[in-house]
Structure formats: C-alpha cells, structure tokens
C-alpha cells in the first residue's frame, strides 16, 4: 500500500514538473532579471553591476515619473470603471434574458473583435475619433457642431475610450459566468418575500455576482497599467503613461536599469492596490452576510 502511494506521488510529481519548470523559466526568470537589473546602473553602453538604489532614488525625486504613474493609475481606474459598468448590463442581459440555446451565439459575437489585431483596432479608433473622423464628420453633417471637436483624440479621453472598448470582452465573460452560477430559486424566493426587482438585484444578484465583478476588475485594471501602444497612438503628448516611459528607457535612452526600476515600482504599486481591493471586497461581503 505504501509503495503504491509512493509510486503515485512520484508519478504526480513527474506530471507536474514540466509545466512547473516551464512557468518558472518563462515567468520567474524574466521577473528576477528585471528586479536584478533595477539595482544596477548603465551609462549608455557601459553596464555597472555594482548594487545600488540610485534608480529608485531618482524615480522618487524626479516628478515626471510620479506624474506618469499617477496618470496611469487614473486611466486604469477610469477604464476599469467604465468597462465593468458597461459590461455588467450586457452580461446580465445574456444570462437572464437570452434563451439558453442562443447564449453561445451571443458569446461568440462578443469575441469577434479578437479576430483582428489589437493594433488594427486602435488605428480604427483613430479613424473614428480623428479630426475628420466618423464622429466629427457625422456631427457636422447633422448640423450638431460647426467645427470638429478636439477633446476626443490625442488626449486621455481617447485613451480611455479605446481601452474600454478593447477590454470589454474581458469584463463581460467573467461577469457572465458568475451570473450563470446564481441559483434562480433564490431570486424567486426574494420576490415571493415581497422584494422588488431592484431590491432583489442589489440584495441577491449583485452580491452573488461579485466574484465575477472582482475578476473583471482585476483582468482589466492590471494590464491597462502596462499598456503603451494605445497611449502612443491616440494619447498624444498629454496621454502618455508609465509604460511609455519604461519603453523609452529601455529602447531610446538605452537605460535598462532605470526602465527596470520603473517597472518594479509599477508592479509593486499595482500589487498593493489589487490586494487592497480584494481585501476590501471580502470585508464588504462578510459585512453583507
């Protein structure tokens, strides 16, 4: 019996080992390299491997880095809020008002934007939001405006709109899954006890769907912080984010240690915010229960 258990344990370890070491090499390796690089310095082509916190001191003292990080957090928060708020009604409609036989079709339609390159979708938003784009041309033809509006391109507004559209499917799917897991008899019981539809939604549906909302929030918030393509193409000078500075440090300025330090700082800040968010959500659910 003991030999069988030992044999099964070894067999399990053999099965787990390949994906474990693959994950370790592909994730932990680059992460460790970035952390290590952040404590080095570089003078164009000369890399100094002496341990130092000079990069972190410079990042703390130079206001441009704090400005870009704050702007990135602002954009990520706005995109997350806009995406989740617009994704929830879509997921709710599919879960509660679409026939079961047609739900797969709706989910399939939601994933259609993934068929094209993300870069192409961003360029299409430039066409839509541009000075002579679809929105301005349409409003001028309708007589709503006399001159093209300029606050929807090459600024933070354009970045938020483009990113909210790009990450909408990532928010819809986890919320839909959470709504599908809700026992419909609980909603019927709430209505039988005299609760209105609105009260049932806020007291039963929304709390039970919070795992999906939390997942959608994290799925959107975390990658938006590191997005640099969208700010570069539609953000203009006033719409650049911390990821654009990291890219500049690594490529144009050839200062990999400084770029690594900024990446580590961003990662720590995002980890702290997401951890606080998850903790507050759990506290809220405990209080509600």
Protein backbone atom coordinates (compact mmCIF):
# COMPACT_ATOMS: atom_id res chain seq x y z
CA UNK A 1 0.00 0.00 0.00
CA UNK A 2 2.77 2.40 0.99
CA UNK A 3 4.67 1.53 -2.19
CA UNK A 4 1.60 2.34 -4.30
CA UNK A 5 1.21 5.73 -2.60
CA UNK A 6 4.89 6.49 -3.13
CA UNK A 7 4.67 5.43 -6.77
CA UNK A 8 1.59 7.62 -7.34
CA UNK A 9 3.34 10.56 -5.67
CA UNK A 10 6.37 10.23 -7.92
CA UNK A 11 4.13 9.90 -10.93
CA UNK A 12 2.23 13.04 -9.92
CA UNK A 13 5.47 14.96 -9.49
CA UNK A 14 6.64 13.86 -12.92
CA UNK A 15 3.39 15.09 -14.47
CA UNK A 16 3.55 18.43 -12.65
CA UNK A 17 7.26 19.06 -13.17
CA UNK A 18 7.23 20.10 -16.88
CA UNK A 19 4.58 22.85 -16.56
CA UNK A 20 6.06 23.96 -13.23
CA UNK A 21 9.56 24.43 -14.59
CA UNK A 22 8.20 25.98 -17.78
CA UNK A 23 6.29 28.53 -15.72
CA UNK A 24 9.33 29.10 -13.55
CA UNK A 25 11.56 29.77 -16.56
CA UNK A 26 9.09 31.91 -18.52
CA UNK A 27 7.72 33.97 -15.61
CA UNK A 28 10.07 33.88 -12.65
CA UNK A 29 13.19 34.13 -14.82
CA UNK A 30 12.35 37.42 -16.57
CA UNK A 31 10.87 38.84 -13.35
CA UNK A 32 14.04 38.06 -11.44
CA UNK A 33 16.14 39.60 -14.22
CA UNK A 34 14.11 42.82 -14.11
CA UNK A 35 14.45 43.07 -10.33
CA UNK A 36 18.20 42.42 -10.58
CA UNK A 37 18.64 44.99 -13.35
CA UNK A 38 16.84 47.63 -11.28
CA UNK A 39 19.74 47.64 -8.78
CA UNK A 40 22.36 48.20 -11.49
CA UNK A 41 23.24 51.33 -13.47
CA UNK A 42 24.02 51.93 -17.11
CA UNK A 43 25.87 54.72 -18.86
CA UNK A 44 24.71 54.21 -22.45
CA UNK A 45 26.81 51.16 -23.44
CA UNK A 46 28.54 50.56 -20.09
CA UNK A 47 26.61 48.41 -17.62
CA UNK A 48 27.70 48.74 -13.99
CA UNK A 49 26.67 45.69 -11.96
CA UNK A 50 27.51 47.19 -8.55
CA UNK A 51 24.50 47.08 -6.21
CA UNK A 52 22.84 50.49 -5.84
CA UNK A 53 19.43 52.04 -5.23
CA UNK A 54 20.25 55.08 -7.37
CA UNK A 55 17.47 54.29 -9.85
CA UNK A 56 14.83 54.14 -7.12
CA UNK A 57 16.07 57.39 -5.59
CA UNK A 58 15.92 59.11 -8.97
CA UNK A 59 12.44 57.72 -9.61
CA UNK A 60 11.26 59.08 -6.26
CA UNK A 61 12.83 62.52 -6.76
CA UNK A 62 12.00 63.20 -10.41
CA UNK A 63 8.36 64.42 -10.58
CA UNK A 64 7.87 63.20 -14.16
CA UNK A 65 7.84 59.57 -13.04
CA UNK A 66 5.28 60.21 -10.32
CA UNK A 67 3.15 62.17 -12.79
CA UNK A 68 3.17 59.36 -15.33
CA UNK A 69 2.45 56.70 -12.71
CA UNK A 70 -0.42 58.75 -11.28
CA UNK A 71 -1.82 59.30 -14.76
CA UNK A 72 -1.56 55.58 -15.46
CA UNK A 73 -3.48 54.76 -12.28
CA UNK A 74 -6.11 57.36 -13.18
CA UNK A 75 -6.55 55.95 -16.68
CA UNK A 76 -6.61 52.37 -15.40
CA UNK A 77 -9.23 53.24 -12.79
CA UNK A 78 -11.41 55.11 -15.30
CA UNK A 79 -11.12 52.35 -17.90
CA UNK A 80 -11.92 49.67 -15.32
CA UNK A 81 -14.95 51.55 -14.01
CA UNK A 82 -16.28 52.32 -17.50
CA UNK A 83 -15.66 48.78 -18.73
CA UNK A 84 -17.24 46.98 -15.77
CA UNK A 85 -20.25 49.34 -15.63
CA UNK A 86 -20.97 48.81 -19.33
CA UNK A 87 -20.11 45.10 -19.32
CA UNK A 88 -22.43 44.16 -16.44
CA UNK A 89 -25.70 45.02 -18.26
CA UNK A 90 -24.53 43.07 -21.32
CA UNK A 91 -23.63 40.02 -19.23
CA UNK A 92 -26.89 40.36 -17.26
CA UNK A 93 -28.94 40.52 -20.47
CA UNK A 94 -27.26 37.43 -21.93
CA UNK A 95 -27.59 35.45 -18.70
CA UNK A 96 -31.19 36.33 -17.77
CA UNK A 97 -32.94 37.33 -20.99
CA UNK A 98 -31.36 35.31 -23.80
CA UNK A 99 -32.59 31.80 -24.50
CA UNK A 100 -30.11 29.09 -23.41
CA UNK A 101 -29.83 27.86 -26.98
CA UNK A 102 -28.68 31.31 -28.14
CA UNK A 103 -26.24 32.19 -25.35
CA UNK A 104 -23.31 30.55 -27.12
CA UNK A 105 -24.03 32.64 -30.21
CA UNK A 106 -24.02 35.86 -28.18
CA UNK A 107 -20.74 34.95 -26.50
CA UNK A 108 -19.30 34.10 -29.90
CA UNK A 109 -20.29 37.54 -31.22
CA UNK A 110 -18.64 39.22 -28.23
CA UNK A 111 -15.32 37.61 -29.11
CA UNK A 112 -15.39 38.77 -32.76
CA UNK A 113 -13.09 41.79 -32.05
CA UNK A 114 -10.36 39.29 -31.10
CA UNK A 115 -10.28 38.12 -34.71
CA UNK A 116 -8.36 41.24 -35.70
CA UNK A 117 -5.06 42.59 -34.44
CA UNK A 118 -5.20 44.85 -31.41
CA UNK A 119 -3.06 47.34 -33.31
CA UNK A 120 -5.59 47.47 -36.16
CA UNK A 121 -8.42 48.13 -33.70
CA UNK A 122 -6.50 51.04 -32.18
CA UNK A 123 -5.89 52.51 -35.65
CA UNK A 124 -9.60 52.16 -36.39
CA UNK A 125 -10.36 54.23 -33.29
CA UNK A 126 -8.05 56.90 -34.67
CA UNK A 127 -10.25 56.95 -37.77
CA UNK A 128 -13.41 57.15 -35.65
CA UNK A 129 -12.17 59.82 -33.23
CA UNK A 130 -10.00 61.80 -35.66
CA UNK A 131 -10.29 65.46 -36.62
CA UNK A 132 -12.02 64.42 -39.86
CA UNK A 133 -13.15 61.10 -38.45
CA UNK A 134 -16.51 59.38 -38.38
CA UNK A 135 -17.83 61.16 -35.28
CA UNK A 136 -16.83 64.68 -36.33
CA UNK A 137 -17.95 64.20 -39.93
CA UNK A 138 -21.30 62.79 -38.82
CA UNK A 139 -21.99 65.56 -36.31
CA UNK A 140 -21.06 68.25 -38.84
CA UNK A 141 -23.32 66.69 -41.48
CA UNK A 142 -26.19 66.62 -38.97
CA UNK A 143 -25.56 70.26 -38.08
CA UNK A 144 -24.91 69.50 -34.42
CA UNK A 145 -21.47 71.18 -34.50
CA UNK A 146 -19.85 73.74 -36.80
CA UNK A 147 -16.21 72.75 -36.25
CA UNK A 148 -14.62 69.39 -35.37
CA UNK A 149 -14.41 68.63 -31.67
CA UNK A 150 -10.88 68.07 -30.43
CA UNK A 151 -11.28 66.59 -26.96
CA UNK A 152 -11.80 63.03 -28.21
CA UNK A 153 -8.39 62.43 -29.79
CA UNK A 154 -4.75 62.74 -28.69
CA UNK A 155 -5.62 63.04 -25.01
CA UNK A 156 -6.64 60.90 -22.05
CA UNK A 157 -10.25 60.75 -23.24
CA UNK A 158 -9.21 58.93 -26.40
CA UNK A 159 -7.04 56.52 -24.40
CA UNK A 160 -9.89 55.70 -22.01
CA UNK A 161 -12.43 55.17 -24.80
CA UNK A 162 -10.12 52.96 -26.84
CA UNK A 163 -9.00 50.83 -23.89
CA UNK A 164 -12.56 50.45 -22.57
CA UNK A 165 -13.64 49.06 -25.93
CA UNK A 166 -10.60 46.79 -26.19
CA UNK A 167 -11.09 45.22 -22.75
CA UNK A 168 -14.90 44.98 -22.79
CA UNK A 169 -14.99 41.24 -23.66
CA UNK A 170 -12.54 40.50 -20.82
CA UNK A 171 -15.05 42.04 -18.40
CA UNK A 172 -18.22 40.58 -19.90
CA UNK A 173 -17.13 36.93 -19.80
CA UNK A 174 -16.26 36.56 -16.06
CA UNK A 175 -19.35 38.52 -15.03
CA UNK A 176 -21.49 36.29 -17.26
CA UNK A 177 -20.01 33.15 -15.70
CA UNK A 178 -20.75 34.47 -12.19
CA UNK A 179 -24.34 35.34 -13.14
CA UNK A 180 -24.87 31.90 -14.66
CA UNK A 181 -23.92 30.26 -11.36
CA UNK A 182 -26.65 32.10 -9.42
CA UNK A 183 -29.45 29.80 -8.31
CA UNK A 184 -32.62 31.27 -9.87
CA UNK A 185 -34.69 29.93 -6.97
CA UNK A 186 -33.02 32.49 -4.70
CA UNK A 187 -34.33 35.29 -6.90
CA UNK A 188 -37.80 33.75 -6.88
CA UNK A 189 -37.71 33.46 -3.11
CA UNK A 190 -36.75 37.12 -2.80
CA UNK A 191 -39.69 38.14 -4.99
CA UNK A 192 -42.05 35.87 -3.05
CA UNK A 193 -40.98 37.62 0.16
CA UNK A 194 -42.14 40.94 -1.27
CA UNK A 195 -38.89 42.41 -2.57
CA UNK A 196 -38.99 44.50 -5.72
CA UNK A 197 -36.86 43.68 -8.76
CA UNK A 198 -34.45 46.49 -7.88
CA UNK A 199 -34.13 45.34 -4.26
CA UNK A 200 -33.64 41.74 -5.40
CA UNK A 201 -30.89 42.84 -7.74
CA UNK A 202 -28.94 44.77 -5.09
CA UNK A 203 -29.53 42.30 -2.24
CA UNK A 204 -29.24 38.99 -4.07
CA UNK A 205 -27.97 39.21 -7.65
CA UNK A 206 -25.18 41.74 -7.25
CA UNK A 207 -23.59 40.23 -4.11
CA UNK A 208 -23.62 36.76 -5.69
CA UNK A 209 -22.12 38.18 -8.89
CA UNK A 210 -19.30 40.00 -7.06
CA UNK A 211 -16.69 37.25 -7.74
CA UNK A 212 -17.20 37.89 -11.45
CA UNK A 213 -17.07 41.66 -10.94
CA UNK A 214 -13.84 41.35 -8.95
CA UNK A 215 -12.31 39.10 -11.61
CA UNK A 216 -13.33 41.52 -14.36
CA UNK A 217 -11.89 44.45 -12.40
CA UNK A 218 -8.52 42.76 -11.95
CA UNK A 219 -8.42 41.44 -15.52
CA UNK A 220 -8.93 44.97 -16.86
CA UNK A 221 -7.05 47.09 -14.31
CA UNK A 222 -3.74 45.21 -14.24
CA UNK A 223 -2.95 45.07 -17.99
CA UNK A 224 -4.18 48.63 -18.62
CA UNK A 225 -1.41 49.93 -16.35
CA UNK A 226 1.17 48.36 -18.65
CA UNK A 227 -0.39 49.37 -21.95
CA UNK A 228 1.85 51.56 -24.11
CA UNK A 229 0.50 51.04 -27.64
CA UNK A 230 -2.79 52.86 -27.11
CA UNK A 231 -1.32 55.94 -25.37
CA UNK A 232 1.33 56.18 -28.06
CA UNK A 233 -1.15 56.06 -30.95
CA UNK A 234 -4.16 58.00 -29.64
CA UNK A 235 -2.97 59.68 -26.44
CA UNK A 236 -0.75 62.43 -27.77
CA UNK A 237 1.84 64.13 -25.53
CA UNK A 238 -0.67 64.55 -22.70
CA UNK A 239 -1.88 60.96 -22.81
CA UNK A 240 1.37 59.05 -22.33
CA UNK A 241 1.62 56.63 -19.40
CA UNK A 242 4.31 55.00 -17.27
CA UNK A 243 4.69 52.11 -19.74
CA UNK A 244 5.72 54.60 -22.44
CA UNK A 245 8.47 55.90 -20.15
CA UNK A 246 9.63 52.34 -19.45
CA UNK A 247 9.77 51.67 -23.19
CA UNK A 248 11.73 54.89 -23.71
CA UNK A 249 14.23 54.00 -21.00
CA UNK A 250 14.81 50.52 -22.43
CA UNK A 251 15.00 51.45 -26.11
CA UNK A 252 15.62 55.12 -26.91
CA UNK A 253 17.69 56.06 -23.85
CA UNK A 254 19.35 52.65 -23.60
CA UNK A 255 18.98 52.74 -19.81
CA UNK A 256 17.63 49.28 -18.99
CA UNK A 257 18.27 49.52 -15.21
CA UNK A 258 16.15 52.69 -14.92
CA UNK A 259 13.41 51.13 -17.00
CA UNK A 260 13.56 48.01 -14.83
CA UNK A 261 13.27 50.13 -11.67
CA UNK A 262 10.19 51.89 -13.03
CA UNK A 263 8.70 48.51 -13.97
CA UNK A 264 9.31 47.16 -10.45
CA UNK A 265 7.78 50.28 -8.86
CA UNK A 266 4.71 49.97 -11.08
CA UNK A 267 4.39 46.29 -10.27
CA UNK A 268 4.59 46.93 -6.52
CA UNK A 269 2.00 49.73 -6.69
CA UNK A 270 -0.41 47.63 -8.78
CA UNK A 271 0.05 44.65 -6.44
CA UNK A 272 -0.69 46.81 -3.40
CA UNK A 273 -3.80 48.32 -4.98
CA UNK A 274 -5.21 44.99 -6.17
CA UNK A 275 -4.51 43.35 -2.81
CA UNK A 276 -6.29 46.20 -1.02
CA UNK A 277 -9.21 45.95 -3.44
CA UNK A 278 -9.63 42.20 -2.92
CA UNK A 279 -9.36 42.61 0.88
CA UNK A 280 -11.96 45.39 0.94
CA UNK A 281 -14.28 43.33 -1.23
CA UNK A 282 -14.03 40.37 1.13
CA UNK A 283 -14.71 42.62 4.11
CA UNK A 284 -17.73 44.04 2.31
CA UNK A 285 -19.12 40.59 1.53
CA UNK A 286 -18.62 39.47 5.14
CA UNK A 287 -20.49 42.52 6.41
CA UNK A 288 -23.30 41.87 3.92
CA UNK A 289 -23.59 38.26 5.00
